[in-house]
Amino acid sequence: MLLAIDVGNTNLVFALFDGDDLRARWRISTDGRRTGDEYAVWLFQLLGIEGVAREEITHIIFGSVVPRADHNLTVLCEKYFGITPIIAGQGEAAWNFEIDVDLPSSLGADRALNCIAAHSLVGGDLIVVDFGTATKFEAVDFNGAYKGGIIAPGINLSLDALVGKTAKLPRIAIHAPDTDSVIGRNTEDQMLIGVFWGYVAMMEGLIARMKKEIGRPTKVVATGGLSVLFDDHTDIFDVVDTDLTLRGLHLLARRTVDKG
């Protein structure tokens, strides 16, 4: 079995692959101070609930945008599983696709993994949208080359800024407004309309501009937890896969192991 770990700014996702099947996934908040021992106590309980012994895990891969967490994850792998982890983007697990931007080394692991997975699953010219702490838009050409992208504040980050910088606006939860009206009748509705429909308009506008610049038929692949919510209220997505980053880790691990 493969244990794949996606290290994001807000959460770490641990995923268990049995062959090509995604058997289980677990989430924990990101904390660069969390030790390998702490990860082990938490993870072994979850593996036990799933009925999986640690000896059944033969390979581990992680992709990280939080360098401070990398050492402790490596300790987890080596001390408790006896496995040297595959680190996405490094050594034999190098990206192995063209990164056609000014500073290729600046491409985050999550963005690269999404490009790998989307190109493998869908193919052709692509725009990949990932709803995370930040919302990222990636342009991937039909050869799988990364051509650049856009980074925008995530919707929750935008809401936090709105509430944090005002004295009287309340904190609200993100969900679709109850009606299609964009004229709110109270403060909470007005905030929700501004954040939700404003975000939809931003996405639709940026994707339209990207498609025009690409100049060829282009499919849009969305991932991240909020992709499902937005998919119900816009027709800009061709494919929605909330596990895209994990599938990228799985593909990269398989390629690396096959190299020997």
Protein backbone atom coordinates (compact mmCIF):
# COMPACT_ATOMS: atom_id res chain seq x y z
CA MET A 1 0.00 0.00 0.00
CA LEU A 2 1.00 3.61 -0.57
CA LEU A 3 0.64 6.33 2.06
CA ALA A 4 0.40 9.72 0.35
CA ILE A 5 0.64 12.94 2.37
CA ASP A 6 -0.44 16.32 1.00
CA VAL A 7 1.03 19.07 3.21
CA GLY A 8 -0.94 22.27 2.74
CA ASN A 9 -0.86 25.60 4.52
CA THR A 10 -4.06 24.86 6.44
CA ASN A 11 -4.28 21.05 6.59
CA LEU A 12 -2.32 17.88 5.99
CA VAL A 13 -4.22 15.11 4.23
CA PHE A 14 -3.03 11.51 4.67
CA ALA A 15 -4.37 9.14 2.01
CA LEU A 16 -4.07 5.37 1.78
CA PHE A 17 -3.91 3.85 -1.70
CA ASP A 18 -4.42 0.13 -2.20
CA GLY A 19 -3.16 -0.28 -5.74
CA ASP A 20 -5.01 2.37 -7.73
CA ASP A 21 -7.89 2.57 -5.25
CA LEU A 22 -8.05 5.43 -2.76
CA ARG A 23 -9.02 3.44 0.30
CA ALA A 24 -9.06 6.11 3.03
CA ARG A 25 -8.13 9.70 3.72
CA TRP A 26 -7.61 11.60 6.98
CA ARG A 27 -7.07 15.27 7.69
CA ILE A 28 -5.16 17.10 10.43
CA SER A 29 -4.43 20.80 10.88
CA THR A 30 -1.02 21.95 9.73
CA ASP A 31 1.41 22.72 12.55
CA GLY A 32 5.10 22.83 11.73
CA ARG A 33 5.91 22.13 15.38
CA ARG A 34 4.07 18.77 15.42
CA THR A 35 6.62 16.00 15.93
CA GLY A 36 6.99 12.68 14.16
CA ASP A 37 5.95 10.97 17.40
CA GLU A 38 2.72 12.98 17.53
CA TYR A 39 1.91 12.13 13.92
CA ALA A 40 2.51 8.45 14.69
CA VAL A 41 0.14 8.32 17.68
CA TRP A 42 -2.64 9.94 15.63
CA LEU A 43 -2.03 8.00 12.42
CA PHE A 44 -1.70 4.53 13.96
CA GLN A 45 -5.09 4.87 15.63
CA LEU A 46 -6.67 5.69 12.27
CA LEU A 47 -4.87 2.84 10.51
CA GLY A 48 -6.14 0.52 13.21
CA ILE A 49 -9.72 1.67 12.68
CA GLU A 50 -9.25 0.98 8.97
CA GLY A 51 -7.85 -2.47 9.79
CA VAL A 52 -4.44 -1.78 8.25
CA ALA A 53 -1.16 -2.79 9.90
CA ARG A 54 1.82 -0.50 9.49
CA GLU A 55 3.71 -3.37 7.80
CA GLU A 56 1.22 -3.29 4.92
CA ILE A 57 2.46 0.16 3.88
CA THR A 58 5.36 -0.32 1.48
CA HIS A 59 5.88 3.20 0.11
CA ILE A 60 5.30 6.73 1.40
CA ILE A 61 5.28 9.96 -0.59
CA PHE A 62 4.66 13.49 0.54
CA GLY A 63 4.33 16.80 -1.25
CA SER A 64 4.76 19.88 0.89
CA VAL A 65 4.35 23.65 0.73
CA VAL A 66 5.32 23.95 4.42
CA PRO A 67 9.09 23.31 4.66
CA ARG A 68 8.99 23.37 8.46
CA ALA A 69 6.87 20.20 8.48
CA ASP A 70 9.15 18.18 6.19
CA HIS A 71 11.68 17.02 8.79
CA ASN A 72 9.10 15.71 11.23
CA LEU A 73 7.26 13.85 8.47
CA THR A 74 10.53 12.27 7.42
CA VAL A 75 11.05 11.18 11.05
CA LEU A 76 7.56 9.64 11.02
CA CYS A 77 8.36 7.65 7.88
CA GLU A 78 11.80 6.44 8.89
CA LYS A 79 11.27 5.84 12.63
CA TYR A 80 7.81 4.27 12.59
CA PHE A 81 7.57 2.68 9.14
CA GLY A 82 11.22 2.03 8.32
CA ILE A 83 10.67 3.71 4.95
CA THR A 84 12.63 6.51 3.31
CA PRO A 85 9.90 8.74 1.93
CA ILE A 86 9.59 9.88 -1.66
CA ILE A 87 9.55 13.68 -1.60
CA ALA A 88 7.58 15.15 -4.48
CA GLY A 89 9.74 17.26 -6.76
CA GLN A 90 13.06 15.98 -5.42
CA GLY A 91 15.57 13.40 -6.69
CA GLU A 92 13.98 10.51 -8.55
CA ALA A 93 10.60 12.15 -7.93
CA ALA A 94 11.47 15.27 -9.92
CA TRP A 95 8.50 16.74 -11.78
CA ASN A 96 9.68 15.63 -15.22
CA PHE A 97 7.54 18.11 -17.14
CA GLU A 98 8.38 21.49 -18.61
CA ILE A 99 7.85 24.42 -16.24
CA ASP A 100 7.78 27.34 -18.65
CA VAL A 101 7.87 30.30 -16.26
CA ASP A 102 10.47 32.84 -15.14
CA LEU A 103 11.46 30.94 -11.97
CA PRO A 104 10.58 27.23 -12.31
CA SER A 105 11.73 26.42 -8.76
CA SER A 106 8.99 28.67 -7.36
CA LEU A 107 6.19 26.30 -8.45
CA GLY A 108 4.62 24.83 -5.31
CA ALA A 109 4.32 21.09 -4.90
CA ASP A 110 0.53 21.16 -4.70
CA ARG A 111 0.29 23.09 -7.98
CA ALA A 112 2.73 20.76 -9.75
CA LEU A 113 0.88 17.67 -8.49
CA ASN A 114 -2.44 19.06 -9.70
CA CYS A 115 -0.93 19.63 -13.15
CA ILE A 116 0.40 16.06 -13.30
CA ALA A 117 -2.93 14.56 -12.26
CA ALA A 118 -5.09 16.75 -14.50
CA HIS A 119 -2.93 16.12 -17.58
CA SER A 120 -3.00 12.38 -16.94
CA LEU A 121 -6.75 12.20 -16.26
CA VAL A 122 -8.09 14.71 -18.79
CA GLY A 123 -5.38 15.71 -21.27
CA GLY A 124 -5.42 18.52 -23.80
CA ASP A 125 -5.09 22.20 -22.90
CA LEU A 126 -6.21 22.74 -19.33
CA ILE A 127 -6.92 25.29 -16.68
CA VAL A 128 -6.64 23.75 -13.21
CA VAL A 129 -8.34 25.57 -10.33
CA ASP A 130 -7.49 24.63 -6.74
CA PHE A 131 -9.55 26.07 -3.87
CA GLY A 132 -7.29 26.16 -0.86
CA THR A 133 -5.95 28.79 1.51
CA ALA A 134 -5.21 30.59 -1.74
CA THR A 135 -7.08 29.88 -4.97
CA LYS A 136 -4.68 28.92 -7.75
CA PHE A 137 -5.35 28.87 -11.47
CA GLU A 138 -2.86 26.87 -13.57
CA ALA A 139 -2.43 26.86 -17.35
CA VAL A 140 -1.25 23.47 -18.66
CA ASP A 141 -0.77 22.89 -22.39
CA PHE A 142 -1.57 19.75 -24.37
CA ASN A 143 2.00 18.46 -23.85
CA GLY A 144 1.64 18.69 -20.07
CA ALA A 145 3.87 21.76 -19.78
CA TYR A 146 3.10 24.30 -17.08
CA LYS A 147 2.73 27.71 -18.73
CA GLY A 148 1.96 29.89 -15.71
CA GLY A 149 -1.04 30.81 -13.63
CA ILE A 150 -2.77 33.08 -11.15
CA ILE A 151 -2.80 33.20 -7.35
CA ALA A 152 -5.79 34.84 -5.65
CA PRO A 153 -6.81 35.01 -1.98
CA GLY A 154 -8.94 32.04 -0.97
CA ILE A 155 -12.56 32.77 -0.20
CA ASN A 156 -12.14 32.14 3.53
CA LEU A 157 -9.02 34.30 3.57
CA SER A 158 -11.02 37.07 1.90
CA LEU A 159 -13.79 36.72 4.45
CA ASP A 160 -11.30 36.75 7.34
CA ALA A 161 -9.83 40.00 6.02
CA LEU A 162 -13.28 41.55 5.65
CA VAL A 163 -14.33 40.66 9.20
CA GLY A 164 -10.94 41.34 10.76
CA LYS A 165 -10.61 44.84 9.33
CA THR A 166 -14.10 46.05 10.22
CA ALA A 167 -15.59 46.84 13.62
CA LYS A 168 -19.20 45.77 13.18
CA LEU A 169 -19.38 43.13 10.45
CA PRO A 170 -20.16 39.67 11.88
CA ARG A 171 -18.45 36.42 11.04
CA ILE A 172 -20.53 34.29 8.66
CA ALA A 173 -20.20 30.80 7.23
CA ILE A 174 -19.58 30.31 3.51
CA HIS A 175 -22.49 28.75 1.67
CA ALA A 176 -24.59 29.49 -1.38
CA PRO A 177 -27.09 32.33 -0.85
CA ASP A 178 -30.67 31.14 -0.42
CA THR A 179 -31.91 33.11 -3.45
CA ASP A 180 -30.47 34.27 -6.76
CA SER A 181 -31.02 37.89 -5.79
CA VAL A 182 -27.82 39.92 -5.50
CA ILE A 183 -29.48 42.71 -3.51
CA GLY A 184 -29.26 41.75 0.13
CA ARG A 185 -31.87 42.82 2.66
CA ASN A 186 -29.66 42.59 5.75
CA THR A 187 -25.98 42.79 6.66
CA GLU A 188 -25.34 39.04 6.75
CA ASP A 189 -26.99 38.46 3.36
CA GLN A 190 -25.12 41.38 1.84
CA MET A 191 -21.81 39.98 3.06
CA LEU A 192 -22.62 36.50 1.78
CA ILE A 193 -23.66 37.84 -1.63
CA GLY A 194 -20.51 39.92 -1.87
CA VAL A 195 -18.20 37.09 -0.92
CA PHE A 196 -19.93 34.19 -2.72
CA TRP A 197 -21.17 35.77 -5.96
CA GLY A 198 -18.18 38.08 -6.03
CA TYR A 199 -15.95 34.99 -5.95
CA VAL A 200 -17.94 33.28 -8.70
CA ALA A 201 -17.66 36.42 -10.86
CA MET A 202 -13.92 36.58 -10.21
CA MET A 203 -13.45 32.93 -11.23
CA GLU A 204 -15.56 33.22 -14.35
CA GLY A 205 -13.82 36.42 -15.40
CA LEU A 206 -10.28 35.13 -14.87
CA ILE A 207 -10.98 31.80 -16.58
CA ALA A 208 -12.53 33.60 -19.57
CA ARG A 209 -9.42 35.77 -19.87
CA MET A 210 -7.12 32.74 -19.58
CA LYS A 211 -9.04 30.85 -22.27
CA LYS A 212 -8.84 33.85 -24.59
CA GLU A 213 -5.07 34.08 -24.06
CA ILE A 214 -4.55 30.34 -24.57
CA GLY A 215 -6.48 30.57 -27.83
CA ARG A 216 -7.35 26.85 -28.11
CA PRO A 217 -10.20 24.70 -26.77
CA THR A 218 -9.47 24.39 -23.07
CA LYS A 219 -11.07 22.30 -20.34
CA VAL A 220 -11.30 23.46 -16.74
CA VAL A 221 -10.53 21.05 -13.89
CA ALA A 222 -11.42 22.07 -10.33
CA THR A 223 -10.26 20.65 -7.02
CA GLY A 224 -10.35 21.55 -3.33
CA GLY A 225 -13.21 21.27 -0.89
CA LEU A 226 -15.14 24.29 -2.14
CA SER A 227 -15.04 23.16 -5.77
CA VAL A 228 -18.20 21.07 -5.24
CA LEU A 229 -20.04 24.05 -3.73
CA PHE A 230 -19.14 26.36 -6.61
CA ASP A 231 -19.83 23.70 -9.23
CA ASP A 232 -23.52 23.86 -8.31
CA HIS A 233 -23.64 27.56 -9.18
CA THR A 234 -21.50 27.98 -12.29
CA ASP A 235 -20.97 26.07 -15.52
CA ILE A 236 -17.27 26.90 -15.93
CA PHE A 237 -15.93 23.55 -14.67
CA ASP A 238 -15.65 20.55 -16.99
CA VAL A 239 -14.29 18.18 -14.33
CA VAL A 240 -14.42 18.37 -10.52
CA ASP A 241 -12.13 16.07 -8.53
CA THR A 242 -11.61 16.91 -4.87
CA ASP A 243 -8.78 14.34 -4.66
CA LEU A 244 -6.72 15.72 -7.56
CA THR A 245 -3.60 16.51 -5.49
CA LEU A 246 -3.67 13.05 -3.90
CA ARG A 247 -3.99 11.46 -7.34
CA GLY A 248 -0.96 13.48 -8.41
CA LEU A 249 0.99 12.06 -5.48
CA HIS A 250 -0.13 8.55 -6.41
CA LEU A 251 0.94 8.99 -10.04
CA LEU A 252 4.30 10.46 -9.08
CA ALA A 253 4.98 7.70 -6.55
CA ARG A 254 4.14 5.02 -9.13
CA ARG A 255 6.45 6.60 -11.71
CA THR A 256 9.25 6.91 -9.16
CA VAL A 257 8.93 3.31 -7.97
CA ASP A 258 8.81 2.09 -11.59
CA LYS A 259 12.12 3.87 -12.23
CA GLY A 260 13.53 1.55 -9.63
